[in-house]
């Protein structure tokens, strides 16, 4: 297995690393496919391998031809006696389910294609309360859902920039109402999924997308589920597959990112709720 030596599966004494031991204790039933939902040791090795490939990728003409996932076709999909299957096909459900539900509630015919089971992860997301209220105003969630969705509120949030610890010229900027909510993705995805289905939406779970053809009158998305292949036609395709999207991969082939922002976190307990009122957006030291 081609993985980085920085995270060895076993030590020279044939013992598991502490990282591996801890991650193997995480219950498998808590795993989700999208948006940081996988927290197994194997997934950590895959992420590290992807990071190595990104750092060492060839650029420009040396990268060769890009992988073809999206193709442009001149012919039309339907004739005058046919109709497209959907108005909108959303690729990637963990984030896409929210947009899909909002569109379905506006009487568009929408489907969601998700490569795994459509569930949200157990670890919280951070969003601004204004963002959540806007999604509620679109009917994706109810006001009653908000109490169950929100796990914690912080205010104000801090962005700190220092060249070293104790830097007298360091700057702390406090940002009220920015990313100030901890929210439960498991609840959010489930509530949106229920509302989407109630409104007549269609979901394809455990379904892979093999390619997308763009025609003059719409698009065709080719999917595979349990060995069965078929195509879905629609007026519009929304890419909600995240930074691992094959559409993004095709567009950015041979181009390294301008920069990388590494997000780290930890688990801790024992804080006094009366003192633990603020949080950090970013803290550079």
C-alpha atoms as a PDB file:
ATOM      1  CA  UNK A   1       0.000   0.000   0.000  1.00  0.00           C
ATOM      2  CA  UNK A   2       1.423   3.341  -1.075  1.00  0.00           C
ATOM      3  CA  UNK A   3       1.024   5.530   1.996  1.00  0.00           C
ATOM      4  CA  UNK A   4       3.093   8.210   3.644  1.00  0.00           C
ATOM      5  CA  UNK A   5       5.699   6.943   6.120  1.00  0.00           C
ATOM      6  CA  UNK A   6       4.603   9.678   8.511  1.00  0.00           C
ATOM      7  CA  UNK A   7       1.645   7.569   9.638  1.00  0.00           C
ATOM      8  CA  UNK A   8       2.889   3.969   9.782  1.00  0.00           C
ATOM      9  CA  UNK A   9       0.310   1.280  10.332  1.00  0.00           C
ATOM     10  CA  UNK A  10       2.643  -0.585  12.682  1.00  0.00           C
ATOM     11  CA  UNK A  11       5.882   0.197  14.446  1.00  0.00           C
ATOM     12  CA  UNK A  12       9.124  -1.737  13.990  1.00  0.00           C
ATOM     13  CA  UNK A  13       8.041  -3.855  16.987  1.00  0.00           C
ATOM     14  CA  UNK A  14       4.895  -4.877  15.088  1.00  0.00           C
ATOM     15  CA  UNK A  15       2.730  -2.823  17.452  1.00  0.00           C
ATOM     16  CA  UNK A  16      -0.129  -0.548  16.527  1.00  0.00           C
ATOM     17  CA  UNK A  17       0.444   3.173  16.885  1.00  0.00           C
ATOM     18  CA  UNK A  18      -1.549   5.095  19.501  1.00  0.00           C
ATOM     19  CA  UNK A  19      -3.350   6.907  16.660  1.00  0.00           C
ATOM     20  CA  UNK A  20      -4.430   3.595  15.163  1.00  0.00           C
ATOM     21  CA  UNK A  21      -5.555   2.197  18.518  1.00  0.00           C
ATOM     22  CA  UNK A  22      -7.682   5.269  19.264  1.00  0.00           C
ATOM     23  CA  UNK A  23      -9.272   5.478  15.826  1.00  0.00           C
ATOM     24  CA  UNK A  24     -10.130   1.782  15.755  1.00  0.00           C
ATOM     25  CA  UNK A  25     -12.283   2.338  18.864  1.00  0.00           C
ATOM     26  CA  UNK A  26     -14.578   4.737  17.004  1.00  0.00           C
ATOM     27  CA  UNK A  27     -17.916   2.951  16.345  1.00  0.00           C
ATOM     28  CA  UNK A  28     -18.405   2.084  12.684  1.00  0.00           C
ATOM     29  CA  UNK A  29     -22.108   2.908  12.866  1.00  0.00           C
ATOM     30  CA  UNK A  30     -21.220   6.565  13.449  1.00  0.00           C
ATOM     31  CA  UNK A  31     -19.478   6.855  10.062  1.00  0.00           C
ATOM     32  CA  UNK A  32     -20.912   8.982   7.256  1.00  0.00           C
ATOM     33  CA  UNK A  33     -19.758   9.308   3.649  1.00  0.00           C
ATOM     34  CA  UNK A  34     -19.530  13.034   3.039  1.00  0.00           C
ATOM     35  CA  UNK A  35     -18.240  16.304   4.529  1.00  0.00           C
ATOM     36  CA  UNK A  36     -15.673  14.890   6.946  1.00  0.00           C
ATOM     37  CA  UNK A  37     -17.923  12.061   8.053  1.00  0.00           C
ATOM     38  CA  UNK A  38     -15.375   9.223   7.933  1.00  0.00           C
ATOM     39  CA  UNK A  39     -13.064   8.908  10.940  1.00  0.00           C
ATOM     40  CA  UNK A  40     -11.540   5.436  10.597  1.00  0.00           C
ATOM     41  CA  UNK A  41      -7.792   4.816  10.604  1.00  0.00           C
ATOM     42  CA  UNK A  42      -8.025   3.534   7.036  1.00  0.00           C
ATOM     43  CA  UNK A  43      -9.607   6.825   5.951  1.00  0.00           C
ATOM     44  CA  UNK A  44      -6.744   8.711   7.619  1.00  0.00           C
ATOM     45  CA  UNK A  45      -4.237   6.714   5.566  1.00  0.00           C
ATOM     46  CA  UNK A  46      -6.186   7.478   2.383  1.00  0.00           C
ATOM     47  CA  UNK A  47      -6.267  11.193   3.202  1.00  0.00           C
ATOM     48  CA  UNK A  48      -2.513  11.169   3.813  1.00  0.00           C
ATOM     49  CA  UNK A  49      -1.976   9.379   0.509  1.00  0.00           C
ATOM     50  CA  UNK A  50      -4.136  11.969  -1.283  1.00  0.00           C
ATOM     51  CA  UNK A  51      -2.127  14.748   0.367  1.00  0.00           C
ATOM     52  CA  UNK A  52       1.148  13.219  -0.868  1.00  0.00           C
ATOM     53  CA  UNK A  53      -0.251  12.896  -4.375  1.00  0.00           C
ATOM     54  CA  UNK A  54      -1.372  16.532  -4.329  1.00  0.00           C
ATOM     55  CA  UNK A  55       2.020  17.768  -3.176  1.00  0.00           C
ATOM     56  CA  UNK A  56       3.864  15.721  -5.772  1.00  0.00           C
ATOM     57  CA  UNK A  57       1.452  16.121  -8.686  1.00  0.00           C
ATOM     58  CA  UNK A  58       2.771  17.100 -12.098  1.00  0.00           C
ATOM     59  CA  UNK A  59       1.656  20.418 -13.537  1.00  0.00           C
ATOM     60  CA  UNK A  60       0.855  21.766 -16.980  1.00  0.00           C
ATOM     61  CA  UNK A  61       1.648  19.610 -20.003  1.00  0.00           C
ATOM     62  CA  UNK A  62       3.579  17.186 -17.802  1.00  0.00           C
ATOM     63  CA  UNK A  63       0.312  16.162 -16.148  1.00  0.00           C
ATOM     64  CA  UNK A  64      -0.991  14.693 -19.401  1.00  0.00           C
ATOM     65  CA  UNK A  65      -4.599  14.804 -20.619  1.00  0.00           C
ATOM     66  CA  UNK A  66      -7.247  15.331 -17.922  1.00  0.00           C
ATOM     67  CA  UNK A  67      -9.597  12.511 -16.918  1.00  0.00           C
ATOM     68  CA  UNK A  68     -12.839  12.901 -18.840  1.00  0.00           C
ATOM     69  CA  UNK A  69     -15.832  12.892 -16.506  1.00  0.00           C
ATOM     70  CA  UNK A  70     -17.947  15.591 -18.157  1.00  0.00           C
ATOM     71  CA  UNK A  71     -18.443  15.360 -21.925  1.00  0.00           C
ATOM     72  CA  UNK A  72     -20.076  17.874 -24.281  1.00  0.00           C
ATOM     73  CA  UNK A  73     -22.481  16.451 -26.875  1.00  0.00           C
ATOM     74  CA  UNK A  74     -24.002  18.211 -29.859  1.00  0.00           C
ATOM     75  CA  UNK A  75     -27.156  16.112 -30.161  1.00  0.00           C
ATOM     76  CA  UNK A  76     -30.297  16.699 -28.122  1.00  0.00           C
ATOM     77  CA  UNK A  77     -31.466  14.330 -25.400  1.00  0.00           C
ATOM     78  CA  UNK A  78     -35.205  14.327 -26.100  1.00  0.00           C
ATOM     79  CA  UNK A  79     -37.498  14.785 -29.043  1.00  0.00           C
ATOM     80  CA  UNK A  80     -40.822  16.609 -29.061  1.00  0.00           C
ATOM     81  CA  UNK A  81     -42.676  13.609 -27.580  1.00  0.00           C
ATOM     82  CA  UNK A  82     -40.318  13.134 -24.618  1.00  0.00           C
ATOM     83  CA  UNK A  83     -39.565  14.939 -21.374  1.00  0.00           C
ATOM     84  CA  UNK A  84     -36.500  15.168 -19.163  1.00  0.00           C
ATOM     85  CA  UNK A  85     -36.579  13.052 -15.998  1.00  0.00           C
ATOM     86  CA  UNK A  86     -35.808  15.953 -13.642  1.00  0.00           C
ATOM     87  CA  UNK A  87     -35.408  19.707 -13.556  1.00  0.00           C
ATOM     88  CA  UNK A  88     -32.345  19.469 -11.293  1.00  0.00           C
ATOM     89  CA  UNK A  89     -29.970  16.576 -10.535  1.00  0.00           C
ATOM     90  CA  UNK A  90     -27.930  17.170  -7.374  1.00  0.00           C
ATOM     91  CA  UNK A  91     -24.665  15.211  -7.225  1.00  0.00           C
ATOM     92  CA  UNK A  92     -23.599  14.705  -3.607  1.00  0.00           C
ATOM     93  CA  UNK A  93     -26.199  14.558  -0.878  1.00  0.00           C
ATOM     94  CA  UNK A  94     -24.553  15.478   2.419  1.00  0.00           C
ATOM     95  CA  UNK A  95     -24.432  19.152   1.437  1.00  0.00           C
ATOM     96  CA  UNK A  96     -26.668  18.936  -1.619  1.00  0.00           C
ATOM     97  CA  UNK A  97     -29.760  17.779   0.271  1.00  0.00           C
ATOM     98  CA  UNK A  98     -30.318  21.303   1.618  1.00  0.00           C
ATOM     99  CA  UNK A  99     -30.348  22.953  -1.817  1.00  0.00           C
ATOM    100  CA  UNK A 100     -32.336  20.021  -3.212  1.00  0.00           C
ATOM    101  CA  UNK A 101     -35.025  20.423  -0.547  1.00  0.00           C
ATOM    102  CA  UNK A 102     -35.299  24.184  -1.096  1.00  0.00           C
ATOM    103  CA  UNK A 103     -35.737  23.652  -4.854  1.00  0.00           C
ATOM    104  CA  UNK A 104     -38.216  20.777  -4.438  1.00  0.00           C
ATOM    105  CA  UNK A 105     -40.330  22.953  -2.129  1.00  0.00           C
ATOM    106  CA  UNK A 106     -40.502  25.503  -4.966  1.00  0.00           C
ATOM    107  CA  UNK A 107     -42.116  22.808  -7.158  1.00  0.00           C
ATOM    108  CA  UNK A 108     -39.019  21.916  -9.175  1.00  0.00           C
ATOM    109  CA  UNK A 109     -38.583  18.206  -9.852  1.00  0.00           C
ATOM    110  CA  UNK A 110     -35.325  17.278  -8.115  1.00  0.00           C
ATOM    111  CA  UNK A 111     -33.262  14.160  -7.458  1.00  0.00           C
ATOM    112  CA  UNK A 112     -30.194  13.613  -5.277  1.00  0.00           C
ATOM    113  CA  UNK A 113     -27.450  11.097  -6.091  1.00  0.00           C
ATOM    114  CA  UNK A 114     -25.285  10.054  -3.130  1.00  0.00           C
ATOM    115  CA  UNK A 115     -22.465   7.493  -3.337  1.00  0.00           C
ATOM    116  CA  UNK A 116     -23.131   6.169   0.181  1.00  0.00           C
ATOM    117  CA  UNK A 117     -25.961   6.296   2.668  1.00  0.00           C
ATOM    118  CA  UNK A 118     -27.356   9.803   3.027  1.00  0.00           C
ATOM    119  CA  UNK A 119     -26.621  10.597   6.676  1.00  0.00           C
ATOM    120  CA  UNK A 120     -24.820  13.434   8.439  1.00  0.00           C
ATOM    121  CA  UNK A 121     -21.725  12.939  10.565  1.00  0.00           C
ATOM    122  CA  UNK A 122     -21.767  12.915  14.379  1.00  0.00           C
ATOM    123  CA  UNK A 123     -19.176  15.682  14.761  1.00  0.00           C
ATOM    124  CA  UNK A 124     -20.587  19.207  14.701  1.00  0.00           C
ATOM    125  CA  UNK A 125     -20.320  21.697  11.880  1.00  0.00           C
ATOM    126  CA  UNK A 126     -19.853  25.419  12.498  1.00  0.00           C
ATOM    127  CA  UNK A 127     -22.066  27.943  10.707  1.00  0.00           C
ATOM    128  CA  UNK A 128     -23.337  31.456  11.323  1.00  0.00           C
ATOM    129  CA  UNK A 129     -26.788  31.773  12.864  1.00  0.00           C
ATOM    130  CA  UNK A 130     -27.813  34.036   9.991  1.00  0.00           C
ATOM    131  CA  UNK A 131     -27.045  31.198   7.562  1.00  0.00           C
ATOM    132  CA  UNK A 132     -29.211  28.761   9.505  1.00  0.00           C
ATOM    133  CA  UNK A 133     -32.066  31.273   9.688  1.00  0.00           C
ATOM    134  CA  UNK A 134     -31.939  31.727   5.919  1.00  0.00           C
ATOM    135  CA  UNK A 135     -32.271  27.974   5.372  1.00  0.00           C
ATOM    136  CA  UNK A 136     -35.204  27.921   7.806  1.00  0.00           C
ATOM    137  CA  UNK A 137     -36.854  30.767   5.868  1.00  0.00           C
ATOM    138  CA  UNK A 138     -36.705  28.580   2.731  1.00  0.00           C
ATOM    139  CA  UNK A 139     -38.658  25.848   4.539  1.00  0.00           C
ATOM    140  CA  UNK A 140     -35.835  23.321   4.666  1.00  0.00           C
ATOM    141  CA  UNK A 141     -36.087  23.326   8.482  1.00  0.00           C
ATOM    142  CA  UNK A 142     -38.763  24.540  10.870  1.00  0.00           C
ATOM    143  CA  UNK A 143     -38.233  26.861  13.811  1.00  0.00           C
ATOM    144  CA  UNK A 144     -38.908  23.847  16.032  1.00  0.00           C
ATOM    145  CA  UNK A 145     -36.022  21.990  14.341  1.00  0.00           C
ATOM    146  CA  UNK A 146     -33.606  24.758  15.316  1.00  0.00           C
ATOM    147  CA  UNK A 147     -33.462  23.795  19.003  1.00  0.00           C
ATOM    148  CA  UNK A 148     -32.463  20.237  18.106  1.00  0.00           C
ATOM    149  CA  UNK A 149     -30.037  21.296  15.369  1.00  0.00           C
ATOM    150  CA  UNK A 150     -28.051  23.819  17.445  1.00  0.00           C
ATOM    151  CA  UNK A 151     -25.685  22.175  19.928  1.00  0.00           C
ATOM    152  CA  UNK A 152     -23.858  25.282  21.117  1.00  0.00           C
ATOM    153  CA  UNK A 153     -23.596  29.053  20.616  1.00  0.00           C
ATOM    154  CA  UNK A 154     -20.399  31.106  20.772  1.00  0.00           C
ATOM    155  CA  UNK A 155     -19.967  34.876  20.582  1.00  0.00           C
ATOM    156  CA  UNK A 156     -17.858  36.657  19.641  1.00  0.00           C
ATOM    157  CA  UNK A 157     -15.544  34.543  17.489  1.00  0.00           C
ATOM    158  CA  UNK A 158     -11.835  35.393  17.322  1.00  0.00           C
ATOM    159  CA  UNK A 159      -9.319  35.586  14.487  1.00  0.00           C
ATOM    160  CA  UNK A 160      -5.826  35.886  15.957  1.00  0.00           C
ATOM    161  CA  UNK A 161      -2.577  36.502  14.091  1.00  0.00           C
ATOM    162  CA  UNK A 162       0.815  36.293  15.842  1.00  0.00           C
ATOM    163  CA  UNK A 163       4.343  35.685  14.601  1.00  0.00           C
ATOM    164  CA  UNK A 164       5.273  33.894  17.817  1.00  0.00           C
ATOM    165  CA  UNK A 165       3.896  33.207  21.275  1.00  0.00           C
ATOM    166  CA  UNK A 166       3.701  36.432  23.270  1.00  0.00           C
ATOM    167  CA  UNK A 167       4.146  38.594  20.160  1.00  0.00           C
ATOM    168  CA  UNK A 168       3.469  42.195  21.333  1.00  0.00           C
ATOM    169  CA  UNK A 169       2.457  43.142  17.800  1.00  0.00           C
ATOM    170  CA  UNK A 170      -0.025  40.325  17.455  1.00  0.00           C
ATOM    171  CA  UNK A 171      -3.589  41.151  16.481  1.00  0.00           C
ATOM    172  CA  UNK A 172      -6.817  39.682  17.822  1.00  0.00           C
ATOM    173  CA  UNK A 173      -9.907  40.525  15.790  1.00  0.00           C
ATOM    174  CA  UNK A 174     -13.293  39.644  17.274  1.00  0.00           C
ATOM    175  CA  UNK A 175     -16.088  38.851  14.838  1.00  0.00           C
ATOM    176  CA  UNK A 176     -19.609  38.822  16.291  1.00  0.00           C
ATOM    177  CA  UNK A 177     -22.068  36.320  14.796  1.00  0.00           C
ATOM    178  CA  UNK A 178     -19.531  34.709  12.412  1.00  0.00           C
ATOM    179  CA  UNK A 179     -19.492  30.869  12.489  1.00  0.00           C
ATOM    180  CA  UNK A 180     -20.921  31.198  15.973  1.00  0.00           C
ATOM    181  CA  UNK A 181     -23.082  28.070  16.044  1.00  0.00           C
ATOM    182  CA  UNK A 182     -22.217  24.442  16.584  1.00  0.00           C
ATOM    183  CA  UNK A 183     -24.830  22.426  14.661  1.00  0.00           C
ATOM    184  CA  UNK A 184     -25.560  18.705  14.416  1.00  0.00           C
ATOM    185  CA  UNK A 185     -25.170  17.447  10.815  1.00  0.00           C
ATOM    186  CA  UNK A 186     -26.831  14.141  11.712  1.00  0.00           C
ATOM    187  CA  UNK A 187     -30.017  16.011  12.627  1.00  0.00           C
ATOM    188  CA  UNK A 188     -29.803  18.523   9.780  1.00  0.00           C
ATOM    189  CA  UNK A 189     -29.383  15.941   7.036  1.00  0.00           C
ATOM    190  CA  UNK A 190     -32.136  13.724   8.444  1.00  0.00           C
ATOM    191  CA  UNK A 191     -34.659  16.597   8.766  1.00  0.00           C
ATOM    192  CA  UNK A 192     -33.901  17.900   5.262  1.00  0.00           C
ATOM    193  CA  UNK A 193     -34.072  14.376   3.841  1.00  0.00           C
ATOM    194  CA  UNK A 194     -37.496  13.798   5.401  1.00  0.00           C
ATOM    195  CA  UNK A 195     -38.840  17.122   4.107  1.00  0.00           C
ATOM    196  CA  UNK A 196     -37.398  16.452   0.648  1.00  0.00           C
ATOM    197  CA  UNK A 197     -39.075  13.057   0.406  1.00  0.00           C
ATOM    198  CA  UNK A 198     -42.377  14.416   1.731  1.00  0.00           C
ATOM    199  CA  UNK A 199     -42.293  17.066  -1.007  1.00  0.00           C
ATOM    200  CA  UNK A 200     -41.886  14.386  -3.699  1.00  0.00           C
ATOM    201  CA  UNK A 201     -38.109  14.399  -4.173  1.00  0.00           C
ATOM    202  CA  UNK A 202     -36.126  11.376  -5.375  1.00  0.00           C
ATOM    203  CA  UNK A 203     -32.972  10.042  -3.696  1.00  0.00           C
ATOM    204  CA  UNK A 204     -30.494   7.513  -5.094  1.00  0.00           C
ATOM    205  CA  UNK A 205     -28.338   6.262  -2.207  1.00  0.00           C
ATOM    206  CA  UNK A 206     -25.280   3.982  -2.497  1.00  0.00           C
ATOM    207  CA  UNK A 207     -25.089   5.087  -6.118  1.00  0.00           C
ATOM    208  CA  UNK A 208     -21.966   5.924  -8.122  1.00  0.00           C
ATOM    209  CA  UNK A 209     -21.818   8.458 -10.945  1.00  0.00           C
ATOM    210  CA  UNK A 210     -19.663   7.239 -13.839  1.00  0.00           C
ATOM    211  CA  UNK A 211     -19.936  10.244 -16.176  1.00  0.00           C
ATOM    212  CA  UNK A 212     -22.005  13.267 -17.160  1.00  0.00           C
ATOM    213  CA  UNK A 213     -22.918  14.263 -20.726  1.00  0.00           C
ATOM    214  CA  UNK A 214     -23.922  17.874 -21.429  1.00  0.00           C
ATOM    215  CA  UNK A 215     -26.288  18.255 -24.391  1.00  0.00           C
ATOM    216  CA  UNK A 216     -27.815  21.345 -25.990  1.00  0.00           C
ATOM    217  CA  UNK A 217     -31.148  20.748 -24.231  1.00  0.00           C
ATOM    218  CA  UNK A 218     -30.014  19.324 -20.895  1.00  0.00           C
ATOM    219  CA  UNK A 219     -27.705  16.841 -19.217  1.00  0.00           C
ATOM    220  CA  UNK A 220     -27.439  13.104 -18.720  1.00  0.00           C
ATOM    221  CA  UNK A 221     -25.996  11.652 -15.533  1.00  0.00           C
ATOM    222  CA  UNK A 222     -24.915   8.009 -15.757  1.00  0.00           C
ATOM    223  CA  UNK A 223     -25.274   6.110 -12.490  1.00  0.00           C
ATOM    224  CA  UNK A 224     -24.618   2.613 -11.161  1.00  0.00           C
ATOM    225  CA  UNK A 225     -26.368   0.982  -8.218  1.00  0.00           C
ATOM    226  CA  UNK A 226     -26.018  -2.674  -7.179  1.00  0.00           C
ATOM    227  CA  UNK A 227     -24.606  -3.563 -10.581  1.00  0.00           C
ATOM    228  CA  UNK A 228     -27.429  -1.867 -12.488  1.00  0.00           C
ATOM    229  CA  UNK A 229     -26.492   1.010 -14.777  1.00  0.00           C
ATOM    230  CA  UNK A 230     -28.897   3.682 -16.012  1.00  0.00           C
ATOM    231  CA  UNK A 231     -28.970   7.346 -16.969  1.00  0.00           C
ATOM    232  CA  UNK A 232     -30.901  10.281 -15.536  1.00  0.00           C
ATOM    233  CA  UNK A 233     -31.741  13.307 -17.665  1.00  0.00           C
ATOM    234  CA  UNK A 234     -32.183  16.801 -16.314  1.00  0.00           C
ATOM    235  CA  UNK A 235     -32.117  20.493 -17.170  1.00  0.00           C
ATOM    236  CA  UNK A 236     -29.382  21.296 -14.651  1.00  0.00           C
ATOM    237  CA  UNK A 237     -26.702  19.420 -12.689  1.00  0.00           C
ATOM    238  CA  UNK A 238     -25.488  20.815  -9.350  1.00  0.00           C
ATOM    239  CA  UNK A 239     -22.068  19.633  -8.178  1.00  0.00           C
ATOM    240  CA  UNK A 240     -22.183  19.244  -4.383  1.00  0.00           C
ATOM    241  CA  UNK A 241     -19.474  16.560  -4.210  1.00  0.00           C
ATOM    242  CA  UNK A 242     -16.936  18.697  -2.369  1.00  0.00           C
ATOM    243  CA  UNK A 243     -13.207  19.046  -2.995  1.00  0.00           C
ATOM    244  CA  UNK A 244     -13.006  15.430  -4.153  1.00  0.00           C
ATOM    245  CA  UNK A 245     -15.450  16.080  -6.985  1.00  0.00           C
ATOM    246  CA  UNK A 246     -14.422  14.490 -10.311  1.00  0.00           C
ATOM    247  CA  UNK A 247     -15.863  17.589 -11.998  1.00  0.00           C
ATOM    248  CA  UNK A 248     -13.446  19.805 -10.060  1.00  0.00           C
ATOM    249  CA  UNK A 249     -10.656  17.318 -10.739  1.00  0.00           C
ATOM    250  CA  UNK A 250     -11.239  17.601 -14.473  1.00  0.00           C
ATOM    251  CA  UNK A 251     -11.399  21.422 -14.359  1.00  0.00           C
ATOM    252  CA  UNK A 252      -8.263  21.797 -12.225  1.00  0.00           C
ATOM    253  CA  UNK A 253      -6.221  19.023 -13.793  1.00  0.00           C
ATOM    254  CA  UNK A 254      -2.548  19.915 -13.832  1.00  0.00           C
ATOM    255  CA  UNK A 255      -3.019  22.920 -11.520  1.00  0.00           C
ATOM    256  CA  UNK A 256      -1.868  22.873  -7.918  1.00  0.00           C
ATOM    257  CA  UNK A 257      -3.920  24.874  -5.415  1.00  0.00           C
ATOM    258  CA  UNK A 258      -2.573  28.332  -4.568  1.00  0.00           C
ATOM    259  CA  UNK A 259      -2.508  27.339  -0.913  1.00  0.00           C
ATOM    260  CA  UNK A 260      -3.787  24.890   1.670  1.00  0.00           C
ATOM    261  CA  UNK A 261      -5.602  25.701   4.916  1.00  0.00           C
ATOM    262  CA  UNK A 262      -5.177  22.838   7.367  1.00  0.00           C
ATOM    263  CA  UNK A 263      -7.991  22.579   9.899  1.00  0.00           C
ATOM    264  CA  UNK A 264      -7.159  20.866  13.184  1.00  0.00           C
ATOM    265  CA  UNK A 265      -9.203  20.266  16.302  1.00  0.00           C
ATOM    266  CA  UNK A 266      -9.322  18.357  19.521  1.00  0.00           C
ATOM    267  CA  UNK A 267     -11.743  16.873  22.029  1.00  0.00           C
ATOM    268  CA  UNK A 268     -11.865  18.291  25.539  1.00  0.00           C
ATOM    269  CA  UNK A 269     -14.238  18.527  28.472  1.00  0.00           C
ATOM    270  CA  UNK A 270     -14.480  20.183  31.869  1.00  0.00           C
ATOM    271  CA  UNK A 271     -14.860  23.788  30.759  1.00  0.00           C
ATOM    272  CA  UNK A 272     -16.941  26.145  32.880  1.00  0.00           C
ATOM    273  CA  UNK A 273     -19.969  27.057  30.751  1.00  0.00           C
ATOM    274  CA  UNK A 274     -20.049  30.529  32.285  1.00  0.00           C
ATOM    275  CA  UNK A 275     -16.496  31.222  31.085  1.00  0.00           C
ATOM    276  CA  UNK A 276     -16.500  29.267  27.821  1.00  0.00           C
ATOM    277  CA  UNK A 277     -18.489  31.733  25.713  1.00  0.00           C
ATOM    278  CA  UNK A 278     -16.192  32.468  22.773  1.00  0.00           C
ATOM    279  CA  UNK A 279     -14.354  30.474  20.122  1.00  0.00           C
ATOM    280  CA  UNK A 280     -11.647  30.788  17.474  1.00  0.00           C
ATOM    281  CA  UNK A 281     -12.248  30.979  13.732  1.00  0.00           C
ATOM    282  CA  UNK A 282      -8.519  30.922  13.006  1.00  0.00           C
ATOM    283  CA  UNK A 283      -5.510  31.392  15.270  1.00  0.00           C
ATOM    284  CA  UNK A 284      -2.151  31.683  13.557  1.00  0.00           C
ATOM    285  CA  UNK A 285       0.969  31.483  15.712  1.00  0.00           C
END
